[in-house]
Amino acid sequence: MIYAINYDLCKPGRDYDGLYGAIKGCGGWWHYLGSTWLVDTNLDATGIYARLKPHLDSNDNMLIIGVTRDYNGWLPQEAWNWINERVRKAA
């Protein structure tokens, strides 16, 4: 399933490379928007959060939510291809 990981990282100057590596380690990923990643993974939202939580500060915010077939927006065609291919596989 595809999950959208959205965040506000609130500690200026902090190195979040560990967080980005943990996101990439969840499965196939797409990162086109600054604070949003899409991951194609067998984990559920709780499992994803468990992997990412050690890399967050107490004042950071995060939302992990499943991507359904009801989506829309303005992205490059390459992004839509990535999403559509994975949503079709999951159906």
N, C-alpha and C. Protein backbone atom coordinates (compact mmCIF):
# COMPACT_ATOMS: atom_id res chain seq x y z
N MET A 1 0.84 -1.19 0.00
CA MET A 1 0.00 0.00 0.00
C MET A 1 0.88 1.24 0.00
N ILE A 2 0.36 2.30 -0.56
CA ILE A 2 1.08 3.57 -0.56
C ILE A 2 0.63 4.40 0.64
N TYR A 3 1.60 4.95 1.34
CA TYR A 3 1.32 5.88 2.43
C TYR A 3 1.99 7.21 2.13
N ALA A 4 1.31 8.29 2.48
CA ALA A 4 1.89 9.62 2.42
C ALA A 4 2.44 9.94 3.81
N ILE A 5 3.69 10.34 3.85
CA ILE A 5 4.33 10.77 5.09
C ILE A 5 4.54 12.28 4.96
N ASN A 6 3.89 13.02 5.83
CA ASN A 6 3.94 14.49 5.80
C ASN A 6 4.49 14.97 7.14
N TYR A 7 5.34 15.98 7.12
CA TYR A 7 5.93 16.42 8.38
C TYR A 7 6.27 17.90 8.39
N ASP A 8 6.37 18.41 9.59
CA ASP A 8 6.98 19.71 9.88
C ASP A 8 8.13 19.40 10.84
N LEU A 9 9.33 19.64 10.39
CA LEU A 9 10.51 19.41 11.23
C LEU A 9 10.91 20.76 11.80
N CYS A 10 10.84 20.88 13.12
CA CYS A 10 10.88 22.19 13.75
C CYS A 10 12.20 22.57 14.41
N LYS A 11 13.21 21.74 14.33
CA LYS A 11 14.46 22.08 14.99
C LYS A 11 15.45 22.59 13.94
N PRO A 12 15.64 23.91 13.87
CA PRO A 12 16.53 24.48 12.86
C PRO A 12 17.95 23.93 12.98
N GLY A 13 18.53 23.62 11.85
CA GLY A 13 19.92 23.18 11.82
C GLY A 13 20.14 21.72 12.19
N ARG A 14 19.11 21.00 12.57
CA ARG A 14 19.27 19.59 12.95
C ARG A 14 19.48 18.75 11.70
N ASP A 15 20.28 17.74 11.81
CA ASP A 15 20.55 16.82 10.71
C ASP A 15 19.48 15.72 10.72
N TYR A 16 18.61 15.73 9.73
CA TYR A 16 17.54 14.74 9.64
C TYR A 16 17.86 13.63 8.65
N ASP A 17 19.13 13.43 8.31
CA ASP A 17 19.49 12.38 7.37
C ASP A 17 19.05 11.00 7.85
N GLY A 18 19.09 10.76 9.16
CA GLY A 18 18.63 9.48 9.71
C GLY A 18 17.15 9.25 9.44
N LEU A 19 16.35 10.31 9.55
CA LEU A 19 14.92 10.22 9.25
C LEU A 19 14.72 9.89 7.78
N TYR A 20 15.41 10.60 6.91
CA TYR A 20 15.25 10.37 5.47
C TYR A 20 15.67 8.94 5.10
N GLY A 21 16.72 8.46 5.70
CA GLY A 21 17.16 7.08 5.47
C GLY A 21 16.13 6.08 5.97
N ALA A 22 15.51 6.36 7.12
CA ALA A 22 14.48 5.47 7.66
C ALA A 22 13.26 5.45 6.75
N ILE A 23 12.89 6.58 6.20
CA ILE A 23 11.76 6.63 5.26
C ILE A 23 12.09 5.78 4.03
N LYS A 24 13.27 5.97 3.47
CA LYS A 24 13.67 5.20 2.29
C LYS A 24 13.71 3.71 2.58
N GLY A 25 14.01 3.35 3.81
CA GLY A 25 14.09 1.95 4.20
C GLY A 25 12.74 1.27 4.37
N CYS A 26 11.65 2.02 4.29
CA CYS A 26 10.31 1.44 4.43
C CYS A 26 9.84 0.73 3.17
N GLY A 27 10.42 1.02 2.03
CA GLY A 27 10.01 0.42 0.76
C GLY A 27 10.29 1.35 -0.39
N GLY A 28 9.60 1.13 -1.51
CA GLY A 28 9.74 2.04 -2.64
C GLY A 28 9.26 3.42 -2.24
N TRP A 29 9.92 4.45 -2.69
CA TRP A 29 9.56 5.80 -2.24
C TRP A 29 9.60 6.81 -3.38
N TRP A 30 8.86 7.88 -3.18
CA TRP A 30 8.83 9.02 -4.10
C TRP A 30 8.87 10.27 -3.23
N HIS A 31 9.77 11.20 -3.59
CA HIS A 31 9.90 12.44 -2.79
C HIS A 31 10.01 13.61 -3.75
N TYR A 32 8.88 14.24 -4.02
CA TYR A 32 8.88 15.38 -4.93
C TYR A 32 8.54 16.67 -4.22
N LEU A 33 7.69 16.59 -3.20
CA LEU A 33 7.31 17.78 -2.44
C LEU A 33 8.18 17.89 -1.20
N GLY A 34 8.53 19.08 -0.81
CA GLY A 34 9.51 19.31 0.25
C GLY A 34 9.31 18.53 1.54
N SER A 35 8.11 18.48 2.06
CA SER A 35 7.89 17.81 3.35
C SER A 35 6.90 16.65 3.22
N THR A 36 6.83 16.05 2.04
CA THR A 36 5.95 14.91 1.80
C THR A 36 6.71 13.82 1.05
N TRP A 37 6.60 12.62 1.55
CA TRP A 37 7.14 11.44 0.88
C TRP A 37 5.99 10.48 0.65
N LEU A 38 6.05 9.72 -0.44
CA LEU A 38 5.16 8.60 -0.66
C LEU A 38 5.99 7.35 -0.55
N VAL A 39 5.49 6.35 0.18
CA VAL A 39 6.20 5.08 0.28
C VAL A 39 5.24 3.95 -0.08
N ASP A 40 5.75 2.99 -0.83
CA ASP A 40 5.01 1.79 -1.19
C ASP A 40 5.58 0.68 -0.32
N THR A 41 4.80 0.21 0.65
CA THR A 41 5.34 -0.66 1.68
C THR A 41 4.33 -1.69 2.15
N ASN A 42 4.82 -2.74 2.76
CA ASN A 42 3.96 -3.73 3.40
C ASN A 42 3.66 -3.35 4.85
N LEU A 43 4.32 -2.33 5.36
CA LEU A 43 4.07 -1.86 6.72
C LEU A 43 2.75 -1.12 6.78
N ASP A 44 2.14 -1.06 7.97
CA ASP A 44 0.98 -0.19 8.15
C ASP A 44 1.48 1.14 8.72
N ALA A 45 0.55 2.08 8.92
CA ALA A 45 0.94 3.41 9.39
C ALA A 45 1.64 3.34 10.74
N THR A 46 1.20 2.47 11.63
CA THR A 46 1.83 2.31 12.94
C THR A 46 3.25 1.79 12.80
N GLY A 47 3.46 0.83 11.91
CA GLY A 47 4.79 0.28 11.68
C GLY A 47 5.75 1.31 11.09
N ILE A 48 5.24 2.12 10.17
CA ILE A 48 6.07 3.19 9.59
C ILE A 48 6.47 4.17 10.68
N TYR A 49 5.49 4.61 11.48
CA TYR A 49 5.78 5.58 12.53
C TYR A 49 6.79 5.02 13.53
N ALA A 50 6.67 3.75 13.86
CA ALA A 50 7.61 3.14 14.80
C ALA A 50 9.04 3.23 14.27
N ARG A 51 9.22 3.09 12.97
CA ARG A 51 10.57 3.21 12.38
C ARG A 51 11.08 4.64 12.35
N LEU A 52 10.17 5.58 12.21
CA LEU A 52 10.57 6.98 12.05
C LEU A 52 10.70 7.75 13.36
N LYS A 53 9.92 7.35 14.35
CA LYS A 53 9.87 8.08 15.62
C LYS A 53 11.24 8.32 16.26
N PRO A 54 12.16 7.35 16.26
CA PRO A 54 13.46 7.61 16.89
C PRO A 54 14.24 8.76 16.24
N HIS A 55 13.84 9.18 15.05
CA HIS A 55 14.56 10.23 14.32
C HIS A 55 13.88 11.59 14.43
N LEU A 56 12.81 11.67 15.23
CA LEU A 56 12.07 12.92 15.38
C LEU A 56 12.37 13.57 16.72
N ASP A 57 12.26 14.88 16.76
CA ASP A 57 12.34 15.62 18.02
C ASP A 57 10.93 15.78 18.57
N SER A 58 10.82 16.09 19.85
CA SER A 58 9.51 16.19 20.50
C SER A 58 8.65 17.31 19.92
N ASN A 59 9.25 18.30 19.27
CA ASN A 59 8.45 19.39 18.70
C ASN A 59 8.19 19.21 17.20
N ASP A 60 8.64 18.10 16.61
CA ASP A 60 8.35 17.81 15.20
C ASP A 60 6.93 17.26 15.09
N ASN A 61 6.31 17.45 13.94
CA ASN A 61 4.96 16.93 13.69
C ASN A 61 4.99 16.03 12.47
N MET A 62 4.17 14.97 12.48
CA MET A 62 4.15 14.03 11.38
C MET A 62 2.75 13.46 11.22
N LEU A 63 2.34 13.27 9.96
CA LEU A 63 1.08 12.61 9.62
C LEU A 63 1.40 11.53 8.59
N ILE A 64 0.99 10.29 8.89
CA ILE A 64 1.15 9.17 7.97
C ILE A 64 -0.25 8.68 7.63
N ILE A 65 -0.57 8.69 6.35
CA ILE A 65 -1.94 8.38 5.95
C ILE A 65 -1.93 7.57 4.66
N GLY A 66 -2.81 6.58 4.59
CA GLY A 66 -2.89 5.73 3.40
C GLY A 66 -3.43 6.49 2.20
N VAL A 67 -2.87 6.18 1.03
CA VAL A 67 -3.33 6.77 -0.22
C VAL A 67 -4.35 5.82 -0.84
N THR A 68 -5.54 6.32 -1.07
CA THR A 68 -6.59 5.51 -1.68
C THR A 68 -6.68 5.83 -3.16
N ARG A 69 -7.70 5.34 -3.80
CA ARG A 69 -7.89 5.62 -5.22
C ARG A 69 -8.45 7.02 -5.45
N ASP A 70 -8.85 7.71 -4.39
CA ASP A 70 -9.40 9.05 -4.51
C ASP A 70 -8.30 10.07 -4.22
N TYR A 71 -7.62 10.50 -5.26
CA TYR A 71 -6.54 11.47 -5.11
C TYR A 71 -6.52 12.39 -6.31
N ASN A 72 -5.95 13.55 -6.13
CA ASN A 72 -5.84 14.53 -7.20
C ASN A 72 -4.84 15.58 -6.81
N GLY A 73 -4.37 16.34 -7.74
CA GLY A 73 -3.42 17.40 -7.47
C GLY A 73 -2.68 17.80 -8.73
N TRP A 74 -1.61 18.54 -8.54
CA TRP A 74 -0.82 19.03 -9.65
C TRP A 74 0.62 18.59 -9.44
N LEU A 75 1.01 17.55 -10.14
CA LEU A 75 2.36 16.99 -10.04
C LEU A 75 2.85 16.68 -11.44
N PRO A 76 4.16 16.48 -11.61
CA PRO A 76 4.67 16.09 -12.92
C PRO A 76 4.13 14.69 -13.30
N GLN A 77 4.03 14.43 -14.59
CA GLN A 77 3.50 13.15 -15.06
C GLN A 77 4.26 11.97 -14.47
N GLU A 78 5.54 12.13 -14.27
CA GLU A 78 6.37 11.07 -13.68
C GLU A 78 5.84 10.67 -12.30
N ALA A 79 5.40 11.65 -11.52
CA ALA A 79 4.85 11.36 -10.19
C ALA A 79 3.54 10.60 -10.32
N TRP A 80 2.65 11.04 -11.21
CA TRP A 80 1.38 10.34 -11.40
C TRP A 80 1.61 8.91 -11.89
N ASN A 81 2.58 8.71 -12.75
CA ASN A 81 2.89 7.36 -13.21
C ASN A 81 3.28 6.47 -12.04
N TRP A 82 4.14 6.99 -11.15
CA TRP A 82 4.59 6.23 -9.98
C TRP A 82 3.40 5.87 -9.11
N ILE A 83 2.54 6.84 -8.82
CA ILE A 83 1.37 6.61 -7.96
C ILE A 83 0.41 5.62 -8.62
N ASN A 84 0.03 5.89 -9.86
CA ASN A 84 -0.97 5.06 -10.54
C ASN A 84 -0.52 3.61 -10.66
N GLU A 85 0.74 3.41 -10.97
CA GLU A 85 1.26 2.04 -11.10
C GLU A 85 1.10 1.27 -9.79
N ARG A 86 1.41 1.90 -8.69
CA ARG A 86 1.36 1.22 -7.39
C ARG A 86 -0.08 1.07 -6.88
N VAL A 87 -0.94 2.04 -7.13
CA VAL A 87 -2.32 1.93 -6.69
C VAL A 87 -3.00 0.80 -7.47
N ARG A 88 -2.71 0.68 -8.75
CA ARG A 88 -3.28 -0.42 -9.55
C ARG A 88 -2.81 -1.78 -9.02
N LYS A 89 -1.53 -1.88 -8.64
CA LYS A 89 -1.01 -3.13 -8.09
C LYS A 89 -1.72 -3.51 -6.80
N ALA A 90 -2.04 -2.53 -5.98
CA ALA A 90 -2.65 -2.79 -4.67
C ALA A 90 -4.13 -3.14 -4.78
N ALA A 91 -4.75 -2.78 -5.90
CA ALA A 91 -6.20 -3.00 -6.05
C ALA A 91 -6.54 -4.47 -6.25
